[in-house]
C-alpha atoms as a PDB file:
ATOM      1  CA  UNK A   1      19.872 -13.651  -6.554  1.00  0.00           C
ATOM      2  CA  UNK A   2      22.918 -15.269  -4.672  1.00  0.00           C
ATOM      3  CA  UNK A   3      24.512 -16.271  -7.838  1.00  0.00           C
ATOM      4  CA  UNK A   4      26.120 -14.249 -10.054  1.00  0.00           C
ATOM      5  CA  UNK A   5      27.302 -15.526 -13.579  1.00  0.00           C
ATOM      6  CA  UNK A   6      29.938 -12.950 -13.831  1.00  0.00           C
ATOM      7  CA  UNK A   7      31.678 -11.819 -10.391  1.00  0.00           C
ATOM      8  CA  UNK A   8      33.948  -9.091 -12.660  1.00  0.00           C
ATOM      9  CA  UNK A   9      31.061  -6.635 -13.245  1.00  0.00           C
ATOM     10  CA  UNK A  10      28.079  -5.173 -14.896  1.00  0.00           C
ATOM     11  CA  UNK A  11      28.273  -6.897 -18.051  1.00  0.00           C
ATOM     12  CA  UNK A  12      25.082  -7.651 -20.728  1.00  0.00           C
ATOM     13  CA  UNK A  13      25.268 -11.468 -19.737  1.00  0.00           C
ATOM     14  CA  UNK A  14      24.538 -10.402 -15.551  1.00  0.00           C
ATOM     15  CA  UNK A  15      21.556  -7.937 -16.826  1.00  0.00           C
ATOM     16  CA  UNK A  16      20.300 -10.410 -19.452  1.00  0.00           C
ATOM     17  CA  UNK A  17      20.390 -13.221 -16.495  1.00  0.00           C
ATOM     18  CA  UNK A  18      19.231 -10.582 -13.547  1.00  0.00           C
ATOM     19  CA  UNK A  19      16.322  -9.444 -16.187  1.00  0.00           C
ATOM     20  CA  UNK A  20      15.505 -13.359 -16.433  1.00  0.00           C
ATOM     21  CA  UNK A  21      15.404 -13.944 -12.681  1.00  0.00           C
ATOM     22  CA  UNK A  22      13.199 -10.702 -12.377  1.00  0.00           C
ATOM     23  CA  UNK A  23      10.781 -11.911 -14.509  1.00  0.00           C
ATOM     24  CA  UNK A  24      10.001 -15.261 -12.809  1.00  0.00           C
ATOM     25  CA  UNK A  25      10.706 -13.504  -9.268  1.00  0.00           C
ATOM     26  CA  UNK A  26       7.735 -11.341  -9.636  1.00  0.00           C
ATOM     27  CA  UNK A  27       5.591 -13.832 -11.242  1.00  0.00           C
ATOM     28  CA  UNK A  28       5.541 -15.662  -7.784  1.00  0.00           C
ATOM     29  CA  UNK A  29       5.167 -13.221  -5.611  1.00  0.00           C
ATOM     30  CA  UNK A  30       2.046 -11.445  -7.660  1.00  0.00           C
ATOM     31  CA  UNK A  31       0.814 -15.216  -7.536  1.00  0.00           C
ATOM     32  CA  UNK A  32       1.500 -15.221  -3.898  1.00  0.00           C
ATOM     33  CA  UNK A  33       0.562 -11.611  -2.762  1.00  0.00           C
ATOM     34  CA  UNK A  34      -2.973 -11.805  -4.530  1.00  0.00           C
ATOM     35  CA  UNK A  35      -3.630 -15.609  -2.917  1.00  0.00           C
ATOM     36  CA  UNK A  36      -2.663 -14.035  -0.113  1.00  0.00           C
ATOM     37  CA  UNK A  37      -5.297 -11.291  -0.326  1.00  0.00           C
ATOM     38  CA  UNK A  38      -7.963 -13.087  -1.430  1.00  0.00           C
ATOM     39  CA  UNK A  39      -7.999 -15.032   1.965  1.00  0.00           C
ATOM     40  CA  UNK A  40      -8.851 -11.774   3.665  1.00  0.00           C
ATOM     41  CA  UNK A  41     -12.858 -12.541   2.369  1.00  0.00           C
ATOM     42  CA  UNK A  42     -12.068 -16.670   3.241  1.00  0.00           C
ATOM     43  CA  UNK A  43     -11.087 -16.162   7.258  1.00  0.00           C
ATOM     44  CA  UNK A  44     -13.840 -13.531   8.334  1.00  0.00           C
ATOM     45  CA  UNK A  45     -17.248 -13.190   7.855  1.00  0.00           C
ATOM     46  CA  UNK A  46     -18.753  -9.529   8.659  1.00  0.00           C
ATOM     47  CA  UNK A  47     -18.326  -5.922   7.845  1.00  0.00           C
ATOM     48  CA  UNK A  48     -16.338  -5.022  10.958  1.00  0.00           C
ATOM     49  CA  UNK A  49     -14.206  -8.026  11.017  1.00  0.00           C
ATOM     50  CA  UNK A  50     -12.797  -7.400   7.528  1.00  0.00           C
ATOM     51  CA  UNK A  51     -12.276  -4.016   8.755  1.00  0.00           C
ATOM     52  CA  UNK A  52     -10.410  -4.880  11.858  1.00  0.00           C
ATOM     53  CA  UNK A  53      -8.310  -7.604   9.824  1.00  0.00           C
ATOM     54  CA  UNK A  54      -7.266  -4.380   7.323  1.00  0.00           C
ATOM     55  CA  UNK A  55      -5.795  -2.739   9.922  1.00  0.00           C
ATOM     56  CA  UNK A  56      -3.687  -4.893  11.271  1.00  0.00           C
ATOM     57  CA  UNK A  57      -2.162  -5.516   8.526  1.00  0.00           C
ATOM     58  CA  UNK A  58      -1.630  -2.270   7.759  1.00  0.00           C
ATOM     59  CA  UNK A  59       0.202  -1.750  11.139  1.00  0.00           C
ATOM     60  CA  UNK A  60       2.164  -4.942  10.330  1.00  0.00           C
ATOM     61  CA  UNK A  61       2.686  -2.579   6.461  1.00  0.00           C
ATOM     62  CA  UNK A  62       4.177   0.251   9.270  1.00  0.00           C
ATOM     63  CA  UNK A  63       6.491  -2.943  11.373  1.00  0.00           C
ATOM     64  CA  UNK A  64       8.033  -3.648   7.844  1.00  0.00           C
ATOM     65  CA  UNK A  65       8.744   0.136   6.385  1.00  0.00           C
ATOM     66  CA  UNK A  66      10.772   0.471   9.674  1.00  0.00           C
ATOM     67  CA  UNK A  67      12.173  -3.031   9.052  1.00  0.00           C
ATOM     68  CA  UNK A  68      13.507  -1.738   5.760  1.00  0.00           C
ATOM     69  CA  UNK A  69      13.941   2.097   6.414  1.00  0.00           C
ATOM     70  CA  UNK A  70      15.569   1.902   9.719  1.00  0.00           C
ATOM     71  CA  UNK A  71      17.007  -1.366  10.734  1.00  0.00           C
ATOM     72  CA  UNK A  72      17.282  -2.228   7.309  1.00  0.00           C
ATOM     73  CA  UNK A  73      19.357   1.170   6.740  1.00  0.00           C
ATOM     74  CA  UNK A  74      21.230   0.494   9.442  1.00  0.00           C
ATOM     75  CA  UNK A  75      22.923  -3.050   8.365  1.00  0.00           C
ATOM     76  CA  UNK A  76      23.628  -1.830   5.167  1.00  0.00           C
ATOM     77  CA  UNK A  77      25.904   0.027   6.649  1.00  0.00           C
ATOM     78  CA  UNK A  78      28.287  -2.713   7.958  1.00  0.00           C
ATOM     79  CA  UNK A  79      26.830  -5.434   5.340  1.00  0.00           C
ATOM     80  CA  UNK A  80      26.443  -6.771   2.031  1.00  0.00           C
ATOM     81  CA  UNK A  81      22.725  -6.746   0.606  1.00  0.00           C
ATOM     82  CA  UNK A  82      22.352 -10.761   0.405  1.00  0.00           C
ATOM     83  CA  UNK A  83      23.218 -11.784   4.057  1.00  0.00           C
ATOM     84  CA  UNK A  84      20.645  -8.694   4.692  1.00  0.00           C
ATOM     85  CA  UNK A  85      18.371  -9.916   2.853  1.00  0.00           C
ATOM     86  CA  UNK A  86      18.826 -13.836   4.339  1.00  0.00           C
ATOM     87  CA  UNK A  87      18.665 -12.563   7.681  1.00  0.00           C
ATOM     88  CA  UNK A  88      15.233 -11.314   7.208  1.00  0.00           C
ATOM     89  CA  UNK A  89      13.372 -14.248   4.447  1.00  0.00           C
ATOM     90  CA  UNK A  90      12.230 -15.884   7.292  1.00  0.00           C
ATOM     91  CA  UNK A  91       9.562 -13.345   7.764  1.00  0.00           C
ATOM     92  CA  UNK A  92       8.089 -14.564   4.557  1.00  0.00           C
ATOM     93  CA  UNK A  93       6.794 -17.469   6.283  1.00  0.00           C
ATOM     94  CA  UNK A  94       4.145 -15.369   8.610  1.00  0.00           C
ATOM     95  CA  UNK A  95       1.825 -15.368   5.013  1.00  0.00           C
ATOM     96  CA  UNK A  96       1.309 -19.080   5.665  1.00  0.00           C
ATOM     97  CA  UNK A  97      -0.456 -17.539   9.123  1.00  0.00           C
ATOM     98  CA  UNK A  98      -3.893 -17.234   7.243  1.00  0.00           C
ATOM     99  CA  UNK A  99      -3.911 -20.916   5.715  1.00  0.00           C
ATOM    100  CA  UNK A 100      -4.510 -22.148   9.325  1.00  0.00           C
ATOM    101  CA  UNK A 101      -7.220 -19.744   9.671  1.00  0.00           C
ATOM    102  CA  UNK A 102      -9.384 -20.089   6.381  1.00  0.00           C
ATOM    103  CA  UNK A 103     -12.782 -21.754   7.212  1.00  0.00           C
ATOM    104  CA  UNK A 104     -13.617 -24.412   5.145  1.00  0.00           C
ATOM    105  CA  UNK A 105     -17.230 -25.927   4.783  1.00  0.00           C
ATOM    106  CA  UNK A 106     -17.156 -29.663   6.388  1.00  0.00           C
ATOM    107  CA  UNK A 107     -18.096 -32.334   4.061  1.00  0.00           C
ATOM    108  CA  UNK A 108     -18.016 -35.207   6.741  1.00  0.00           C
ATOM    109  CA  UNK A 109     -21.699 -34.014   7.391  1.00  0.00           C
ATOM    110  CA  UNK A 110     -23.411 -33.730   4.161  1.00  0.00           C
ATOM    111  CA  UNK A 111     -22.897 -29.756   4.056  1.00  0.00           C
ATOM    112  CA  UNK A 112     -22.680 -28.458   0.538  1.00  0.00           C
ATOM    113  CA  UNK A 113     -20.879 -25.789  -0.276  1.00  0.00           C
ATOM    114  CA  UNK A 114     -22.959 -22.630  -1.975  1.00  0.00           C
ATOM    115  CA  UNK A 115     -20.500 -20.390  -2.845  1.00  0.00           C
ATOM    116  CA  UNK A 116     -19.088 -21.436  -7.116  1.00  0.00           C
ATOM    117  CA  UNK A 117     -15.012 -20.216  -8.764  1.00  0.00           C
ATOM    118  CA  UNK A 118     -15.468 -19.225 -12.378  1.00  0.00           C
ATOM    119  CA  UNK A 119     -12.382 -18.986 -14.481  1.00  0.00           C
ATOM    120  CA  UNK A 120      -9.824 -16.588 -15.655  1.00  0.00           C
ATOM    121  CA  UNK A 121     -11.401 -14.555 -18.273  1.00  0.00           C
ATOM    122  CA  UNK A 122     -15.056 -14.900 -16.451  1.00  0.00           C
ATOM    123  CA  UNK A 123     -13.581 -13.971 -13.615  1.00  0.00           C
ATOM    124  CA  UNK A 124     -12.284 -10.276 -14.898  1.00  0.00           C
ATOM    125  CA  UNK A 125     -15.235  -9.927 -17.097  1.00  0.00           C
ATOM    126  CA  UNK A 126     -17.263  -9.882 -13.955  1.00  0.00           C
ATOM    127  CA  UNK A 127     -15.092  -7.563 -11.975  1.00  0.00           C
ATOM    128  CA  UNK A 128     -14.770  -5.000 -14.698  1.00  0.00           C
ATOM    129  CA  UNK A 129     -18.698  -4.827 -14.796  1.00  0.00           C
ATOM    130  CA  UNK A 130     -18.757  -3.981 -10.870  1.00  0.00           C
ATOM    131  CA  UNK A 131     -19.037  -0.321 -11.818  1.00  0.00           C
ATOM    132  CA  UNK A 132     -17.939   0.567  -7.851  1.00  0.00           C
ATOM    133  CA  UNK A 133     -14.700  -1.578  -8.562  1.00  0.00           C
ATOM    134  CA  UNK A 134     -14.012   0.344 -11.949  1.00  0.00           C
ATOM    135  CA  UNK A 135     -14.189   3.629  -9.970  1.00  0.00           C
ATOM    136  CA  UNK A 136     -12.265   2.610  -6.960  1.00  0.00           C
ATOM    137  CA  UNK A 137      -9.941   1.670  -9.422  1.00  0.00           C
ATOM    138  CA  UNK A 138      -9.562   4.987 -10.657  1.00  0.00           C
ATOM    139  CA  UNK A 139      -8.955   6.256  -6.955  1.00  0.00           C
ATOM    140  CA  UNK A 140      -6.626   4.137  -6.150  1.00  0.00           C
ATOM    141  CA  UNK A 141      -4.434   4.861  -8.912  1.00  0.00           C
ATOM    142  CA  UNK A 142      -3.768   8.424  -7.854  1.00  0.00           C
ATOM    143  CA  UNK A 143      -3.504   8.080  -4.468  1.00  0.00           C
ATOM    144  CA  UNK A 144      -0.857   5.326  -4.878  1.00  0.00           C
ATOM    145  CA  UNK A 145       0.358   7.782  -7.669  1.00  0.00           C
ATOM    146  CA  UNK A 146       1.173   9.851  -4.886  1.00  0.00           C
ATOM    147  CA  UNK A 147       1.886   7.606  -1.845  1.00  0.00           C
ATOM    148  CA  UNK A 148       4.591   5.370  -3.889  1.00  0.00           C
ATOM    149  CA  UNK A 149       6.293   8.813  -5.235  1.00  0.00           C
ATOM    150  CA  UNK A 150       6.868  10.097  -1.528  1.00  0.00           C
ATOM    151  CA  UNK A 151       7.945   6.795  -0.456  1.00  0.00           C
ATOM    152  CA  UNK A 152       9.979   5.789  -3.386  1.00  0.00           C
ATOM    153  CA  UNK A 153      11.902   8.984  -2.889  1.00  0.00           C
ATOM    154  CA  UNK A 154      12.245   9.688   0.458  1.00  0.00           C
ATOM    155  CA  UNK A 155      15.979   8.184   0.374  1.00  0.00           C
ATOM    156  CA  UNK A 156      17.128  11.164  -2.288  1.00  0.00           C
ATOM    157  CA  UNK A 157      14.060  13.987  -0.531  1.00  0.00           C
ATOM    158  CA  UNK A 158      15.588  13.953   2.609  1.00  0.00           C
ATOM    159  CA  UNK A 159      19.221  13.963   1.489  1.00  0.00           C
ATOM    160  CA  UNK A 160      18.800  16.197  -0.973  1.00  0.00           C
ATOM    161  CA  UNK A 161      16.623  18.724   1.565  1.00  0.00           C
ATOM    162  CA  UNK A 162      19.525  17.849   4.406  1.00  0.00           C
ATOM    163  CA  UNK A 163      16.791  16.296   6.740  1.00  0.00           C
ATOM    164  CA  UNK A 164      16.884  13.608   9.560  1.00  0.00           C
ATOM    165  CA  UNK A 165      15.388  10.772   7.589  1.00  0.00           C
ATOM    166  CA  UNK A 166      15.023   8.210  10.521  1.00  0.00           C
ATOM    167  CA  UNK A 167      13.786  10.927  13.112  1.00  0.00           C
ATOM    168  CA  UNK A 168      11.534  11.778  10.267  1.00  0.00           C
ATOM    169  CA  UNK A 169      10.101   8.121   9.593  1.00  0.00           C
ATOM    170  CA  UNK A 170      10.295   7.515  13.000  1.00  0.00           C
ATOM    171  CA  UNK A 171       7.657   9.917  13.422  1.00  0.00           C
ATOM    172  CA  UNK A 172       5.745   9.194  10.656  1.00  0.00           C
ATOM    173  CA  UNK A 173       5.270   5.138  11.179  1.00  0.00           C
ATOM    174  CA  UNK A 174       5.723   5.308  15.144  1.00  0.00           C
ATOM    175  CA  UNK A 175       2.180   6.146  16.064  1.00  0.00           C
ATOM    176  CA  UNK A 176      -0.079   4.749  13.336  1.00  0.00           C
ATOM    177  CA  UNK A 177      -1.985   2.431  15.942  1.00  0.00           C
ATOM    178  CA  UNK A 178      -3.139   5.487  17.345  1.00  0.00           C
ATOM    179  CA  UNK A 179      -4.136   7.164  14.861  1.00  0.00           C
ATOM    180  CA  UNK A 180      -5.516   4.106  12.850  1.00  0.00           C
ATOM    181  CA  UNK A 181      -7.795   4.101  15.741  1.00  0.00           C
ATOM    182  CA  UNK A 182      -9.129   7.900  15.093  1.00  0.00           C
ATOM    183  CA  UNK A 183      -9.435   6.957  11.403  1.00  0.00           C
ATOM    184  CA  UNK A 184     -12.110   3.711  12.103  1.00  0.00           C
ATOM    185  CA  UNK A 185     -14.022   6.300  15.214  1.00  0.00           C
ATOM    186  CA  UNK A 186     -14.465   8.894  12.329  1.00  0.00           C
ATOM    187  CA  UNK A 187     -15.361   5.941   9.719  1.00  0.00           C
ATOM    188  CA  UNK A 188     -17.862   3.894  12.290  1.00  0.00           C
ATOM    189  CA  UNK A 189     -19.160   7.642  13.109  1.00  0.00           C
ATOM    190  CA  UNK A 190     -19.983   9.072   9.568  1.00  0.00           C
ATOM    191  CA  UNK A 191     -18.216   5.721   7.103  1.00  0.00           C
ATOM    192  CA  UNK A 192     -15.759   5.636   5.333  1.00  0.00           C
ATOM    193  CA  UNK A 193     -16.131   8.174   2.844  1.00  0.00           C
ATOM    194  CA  UNK A 194     -15.606  11.129   5.112  1.00  0.00           C
ATOM    195  CA  UNK A 195     -12.523   8.956   6.812  1.00  0.00           C
ATOM    196  CA  UNK A 196     -11.211   8.219   3.492  1.00  0.00           C
ATOM    197  CA  UNK A 197     -10.899  11.840   2.523  1.00  0.00           C
ATOM    198  CA  UNK A 198      -9.939  13.295   5.548  1.00  0.00           C
ATOM    199  CA  UNK A 199      -6.790  10.708   5.420  1.00  0.00           C
ATOM    200  CA  UNK A 200      -6.358  11.974   1.879  1.00  0.00           C
ATOM    201  CA  UNK A 201      -6.813  15.616   2.911  1.00  0.00           C
ATOM    202  CA  UNK A 202      -4.207  14.920   5.806  1.00  0.00           C
ATOM    203  CA  UNK A 203      -1.852  13.147   3.406  1.00  0.00           C
ATOM    204  CA  UNK A 204      -1.165  15.926   0.848  1.00  0.00           C
ATOM    205  CA  UNK A 205      -1.300  18.462   3.913  1.00  0.00           C
ATOM    206  CA  UNK A 206       1.246  16.882   5.149  1.00  0.00           C
ATOM    207  CA  UNK A 207       3.423  16.618   1.950  1.00  0.00           C
ATOM    208  CA  UNK A 208       2.975  20.401   1.603  1.00  0.00           C
ATOM    209  CA  UNK A 209       3.691  21.067   4.794  1.00  0.00           C
ATOM    210  CA  UNK A 210       7.126  19.014   4.578  1.00  0.00           C
ATOM    211  CA  UNK A 211       7.772  21.230   1.239  1.00  0.00           C
ATOM    212  CA  UNK A 212       7.616  24.187   3.272  1.00  0.00           C
ATOM    213  CA  UNK A 213       9.481  22.543   6.049  1.00  0.00           C
ATOM    214  CA  UNK A 214      12.419  22.099   3.092  1.00  0.00           C
ATOM    215  CA  UNK A 215      12.336  25.998   3.238  1.00  0.00           C
ATOM    216  CA  UNK A 216      13.518  26.459   6.299  1.00  0.00           C
ATOM    217  CA  UNK A 217      17.149  26.727   7.906  1.00  0.00           C
ATOM    218  CA  UNK A 218      18.808  24.225  10.394  1.00  0.00           C
ATOM    219  CA  UNK A 219      18.012  22.848  13.125  1.00  0.00           C
ATOM    220  CA  UNK A 220      14.168  24.792  12.376  1.00  0.00           C
ATOM    221  CA  UNK A 221      13.918  22.803   8.946  1.00  0.00           C
ATOM    222  CA  UNK A 222      14.363  19.029  11.072  1.00  0.00           C
ATOM    223  CA  UNK A 223      11.723  20.225  13.895  1.00  0.00           C
ATOM    224  CA  UNK A 224       9.228  21.373  11.260  1.00  0.00           C
ATOM    225  CA  UNK A 225       9.981  18.006   9.645  1.00  0.00           C
ATOM    226  CA  UNK A 226       9.310  15.668  12.701  1.00  0.00           C
ATOM    227  CA  UNK A 227       6.026  17.712  13.192  1.00  0.00           C
ATOM    228  CA  UNK A 228       5.080  16.928   9.784  1.00  0.00           C
ATOM    229  CA  UNK A 229       5.858  13.260  10.592  1.00  0.00           C
ATOM    230  CA  UNK A 230       3.667  13.340  13.324  1.00  0.00           C
ATOM    231  CA  UNK A 231       0.745  14.791  10.807  1.00  0.00           C
ATOM    232  CA  UNK A 232       1.559  12.215   8.031  1.00  0.00           C
ATOM    233  CA  UNK A 233       1.373   9.468  10.897  1.00  0.00           C
ATOM    234  CA  UNK A 234      -2.568   9.974  10.860  1.00  0.00           C
ATOM    235  CA  UNK A 235      -2.967   9.362   7.132  1.00  0.00           C
ATOM    236  CA  UNK A 236      -0.281   7.175   5.975  1.00  0.00           C
ATOM    237  CA  UNK A 237      -1.260   3.943   8.292  1.00  0.00           C
ATOM    238  CA  UNK A 238      -5.512   4.107   7.053  1.00  0.00           C
ATOM    239  CA  UNK A 239      -3.468   4.644   3.297  1.00  0.00           C
ATOM    240  CA  UNK A 240      -2.212   0.886   3.161  1.00  0.00           C
ATOM    241  CA  UNK A 241      -5.516  -0.233   5.142  1.00  0.00           C
ATOM    242  CA  UNK A 242      -7.658   0.427   2.481  1.00  0.00           C
ATOM    243  CA  UNK A 243      -5.902  -1.368   0.110  1.00  0.00           C
ATOM    244  CA  UNK A 244      -7.184  -4.571   2.010  1.00  0.00           C
ATOM    245  CA  UNK A 245     -10.868  -3.498   3.205  1.00  0.00           C
ATOM    246  CA  UNK A 246     -12.657  -2.134   0.021  1.00  0.00           C
ATOM    247  CA  UNK A 247     -11.552  -5.434  -2.633  1.00  0.00           C
ATOM    248  CA  UNK A 248     -12.828  -7.668   0.436  1.00  0.00           C
ATOM    249  CA  UNK A 249     -15.869  -5.973   0.861  1.00  0.00           C
ATOM    250  CA  UNK A 250     -16.530  -5.554  -2.381  1.00  0.00           C
ATOM    251  CA  UNK A 251     -15.889  -9.305  -3.256  1.00  0.00           C
ATOM    252  CA  UNK A 252     -17.789 -10.043  -0.036  1.00  0.00           C
ATOM    253  CA  UNK A 253     -20.802  -8.308  -1.348  1.00  0.00           C
ATOM    254  CA  UNK A 254     -20.604 -10.002  -4.766  1.00  0.00           C
ATOM    255  CA  UNK A 255     -20.310 -13.524  -3.142  1.00  0.00           C
ATOM    256  CA  UNK A 256     -23.519 -12.832  -1.356  1.00  0.00           C
ATOM    257  CA  UNK A 257     -24.898 -11.458  -4.223  1.00  0.00           C
ATOM    258  CA  UNK A 258     -24.249 -13.751  -6.813  1.00  0.00           C
ATOM    259  CA  UNK A 259     -22.355 -16.776  -5.262  1.00  0.00           C
ATOM    260  CA  UNK A 260     -19.362 -16.288  -6.855  1.00  0.00           C
ATOM    261  CA  UNK A 261     -15.980 -16.325  -4.969  1.00  0.00           C
ATOM    262  CA  UNK A 262     -13.851 -13.896  -7.074  1.00  0.00           C
ATOM    263  CA  UNK A 263     -11.883 -11.978  -4.567  1.00  0.00           C
ATOM    264  CA  UNK A 264      -8.248 -13.066  -5.825  1.00  0.00           C
ATOM    265  CA  UNK A 265      -9.187 -10.917  -9.176  1.00  0.00           C
ATOM    266  CA  UNK A 266     -10.179  -8.295  -7.040  1.00  0.00           C
ATOM    267  CA  UNK A 267      -6.866  -7.725  -5.667  1.00  0.00           C
ATOM    268  CA  UNK A 268      -5.099  -8.919  -8.927  1.00  0.00           C
ATOM    269  CA  UNK A 269      -6.323  -5.987 -11.350  1.00  0.00           C
ATOM    270  CA  UNK A 270      -5.768  -3.969  -8.042  1.00  0.00           C
ATOM    271  CA  UNK A 271      -2.502  -5.008  -7.706  1.00  0.00           C
ATOM    272  CA  UNK A 272      -2.101  -4.487 -11.984  1.00  0.00           C
ATOM    273  CA  UNK A 273      -2.960  -0.125 -11.173  1.00  0.00           C
ATOM    274  CA  UNK A 274      -1.172  -0.370  -8.007  1.00  0.00           C
ATOM    275  CA  UNK A 275       1.979  -1.681  -9.773  1.00  0.00           C
ATOM    276  CA  UNK A 276       1.300   0.564 -13.050  1.00  0.00           C
ATOM    277  CA  UNK A 277       0.715   3.891 -10.990  1.00  0.00           C
ATOM    278  CA  UNK A 278       3.609   2.847  -8.616  1.00  0.00           C
ATOM    279  CA  UNK A 279       6.099   2.034 -12.179  1.00  0.00           C
ATOM    280  CA  UNK A 280       5.032   5.602 -13.240  1.00  0.00           C
ATOM    281  CA  UNK A 281       5.901   7.628  -9.968  1.00  0.00           C
ATOM    282  CA  UNK A 282       9.171   6.225  -9.338  1.00  0.00           C
ATOM    283  CA  UNK A 283      10.621   4.717 -12.845  1.00  0.00           C
ATOM    284  CA  UNK A 284       8.875   7.752 -14.664  1.00  0.00           C
ATOM    285  CA  UNK A 285       8.590  11.112 -12.208  1.00  0.00           C
ATOM    286  CA  UNK A 286      10.858  10.219  -9.376  1.00  0.00           C
ATOM    287  CA  UNK A 287      13.512   9.451 -12.594  1.00  0.00           C
ATOM    288  CA  UNK A 288      12.542  12.531 -14.180  1.00  0.00           C
ATOM    289  CA  UNK A 289      13.297  14.548 -11.047  1.00  0.00           C
ATOM    290  CA  UNK A 290      16.505  13.298  -9.554  1.00  0.00           C
ATOM    291  CA  UNK A 291      18.036  13.038 -13.261  1.00  0.00           C
ATOM    292  CA  UNK A 292      20.995  11.581 -13.790  1.00  0.00           C
ATOM    293  CA  UNK A 293      24.510  11.280 -12.539  1.00  0.00           C
ATOM    294  CA  UNK A 294      26.264  13.594 -15.709  1.00  0.00           C
ATOM    295  CA  UNK A 295      23.054  15.325 -15.367  1.00  0.00           C
ATOM    296  CA  UNK A 296      21.168  15.096 -11.996  1.00  0.00           C
ATOM    297  CA  UNK A 297      18.327  17.481 -11.680  1.00  0.00           C
ATOM    298  CA  UNK A 298      17.521  19.277  -8.450  1.00  0.00           C
ATOM    299  CA  UNK A 299      14.057  18.775  -9.560  1.00  0.00           C
ATOM    300  CA  UNK A 300      13.565  15.946  -6.251  1.00  0.00           C
ATOM    301  CA  UNK A 301      13.011  19.015  -4.343  1.00  0.00           C
ATOM    302  CA  UNK A 302       9.706  19.582  -5.758  1.00  0.00           C
ATOM    303  CA  UNK A 303       8.642  15.553  -5.010  1.00  0.00           C
ATOM    304  CA  UNK A 304       6.464  16.070  -2.001  1.00  0.00           C
ATOM    305  CA  UNK A 305       4.123  18.794  -4.104  1.00  0.00           C
ATOM    306  CA  UNK A 306       4.011  16.568  -6.879  1.00  0.00           C
ATOM    307  CA  UNK A 307       2.898  13.762  -4.558  1.00  0.00           C
ATOM    308  CA  UNK A 308       0.239  16.327  -2.879  1.00  0.00           C
ATOM    309  CA  UNK A 309      -1.367  16.783  -6.523  1.00  0.00           C
ATOM    310  CA  UNK A 310      -2.070  12.438  -6.483  1.00  0.00           C
ATOM    311  CA  UNK A 311      -3.540  12.691  -3.488  1.00  0.00           C
ATOM    312  CA  UNK A 312      -5.822  15.139  -4.216  1.00  0.00           C
ATOM    313  CA  UNK A 313      -7.046  13.933  -7.989  1.00  0.00           C
ATOM    314  CA  UNK A 314      -7.742  10.941  -5.481  1.00  0.00           C
ATOM    315  CA  UNK A 315      -9.867  13.008  -3.084  1.00  0.00           C
ATOM    316  CA  UNK A 316     -11.781  14.611  -6.338  1.00  0.00           C
ATOM    317  CA  UNK A 317     -12.308  11.242  -7.777  1.00  0.00           C
ATOM    318  CA  UNK A 318     -14.239   9.964  -4.608  1.00  0.00           C
ATOM    319  CA  UNK A 319     -16.973  12.193  -5.345  1.00  0.00           C
ATOM    320  CA  UNK A 320     -17.756   9.167  -7.919  1.00  0.00           C
ATOM    321  CA  UNK A 321     -18.113   6.466  -5.169  1.00  0.00           C
ATOM    322  CA  UNK A 322     -21.433   4.970  -4.757  1.00  0.00           C
ATOM    323  CA  UNK A 323     -23.115   5.400  -1.323  1.00  0.00           C
ATOM    324  CA  UNK A 324     -22.716   1.669  -0.826  1.00  0.00           C
ATOM    325  CA  UNK A 325     -18.777   2.556  -0.326  1.00  0.00           C
ATOM    326  CA  UNK A 326     -18.753   6.293   1.305  1.00  0.00           C
ATOM    327  CA  UNK A 327     -21.435   5.406   4.388  1.00  0.00           C
ATOM    328  CA  UNK A 328     -19.171   1.511   4.519  1.00  0.00           C
ATOM    329  CA  UNK A 329     -18.138   0.891   8.051  1.00  0.00           C
ATOM    330  CA  UNK A 330     -21.311   3.907   9.144  1.00  0.00           C
ATOM    331  CA  UNK A 331     -22.823   2.080  12.547  1.00  0.00           C
ATOM    332  CA  UNK A 332     -25.825   2.948  13.666  1.00  0.00           C
ATOM    333  CA  UNK A 333     -26.194   5.691  16.002  1.00  0.00           C
ATOM    334  CA  UNK A 334     -28.625   3.142  17.960  1.00  0.00           C
ATOM    335  CA  UNK A 335     -26.582  -0.322  17.134  1.00  0.00           C
ATOM    336  CA  UNK A 336     -23.333   1.339  18.850  1.00  0.00           C
END
């Protein structure tokens, strides 16, 4: 991205060049992220540990959103995007951490590895035959649509409605560790089903509340939106956590049941569903709401209600999830 074939401006040559570079980038990015997520079932052994690492990953996600939307935005006010990208590039090295934590069987003491791997198409077939996983993908698709529509359009939305984005995003992200603790407490008491539905309801209510706040006059709209951001924090961190906890748990259950290690494909297919949902949310719906430079639209005003519709559809689809997932994480009252 540091190379510009034609510095004169936006040309066909630059477009073709960056199209090729983007294809290479996203191919490498996908392979890297799928491999990274696959380590989640390797570096831990129990459901409780998988839940814990998913929560830690969620907190890290919030940190990088703060870096991207707050710190990055501040740096871009006085710097070009290229030096900013190079400044934050070393953070990518943190993805090497799991490589030092993977528990592998020793081959020095005659231990035999009981887990086997399968080829690409066989792995895909095993994944799509898992009915629970397919249902989860439908739920995850609509959840991602609502979440990514909000995250992808927050800059335009807050600019259009006159709200202070930095204050609102800090209000939504700062309390996440505490709200994740509450989410996990609900999950240990009633199971994943109740906890997940709780965060979907909270996020939907927050989106509708933000829409209502935008109708107020200054400064009441900012105060109301900040309060809405705090409410949103009770959902947004956990929405990131489920993207790791559920697939890793399903992959671990399949490995225990069949002896096949297939976690990479679980995350790969989920990444496909996530990419399609994000593409529809930000590449079709959000673009249509914003309009064009020649014909701008005030449709961005309705972004948050549409995001709420997405998560509410996901909420309805959870009724099809089996009890094995709905009860995931629930602790026996006699075994606290």
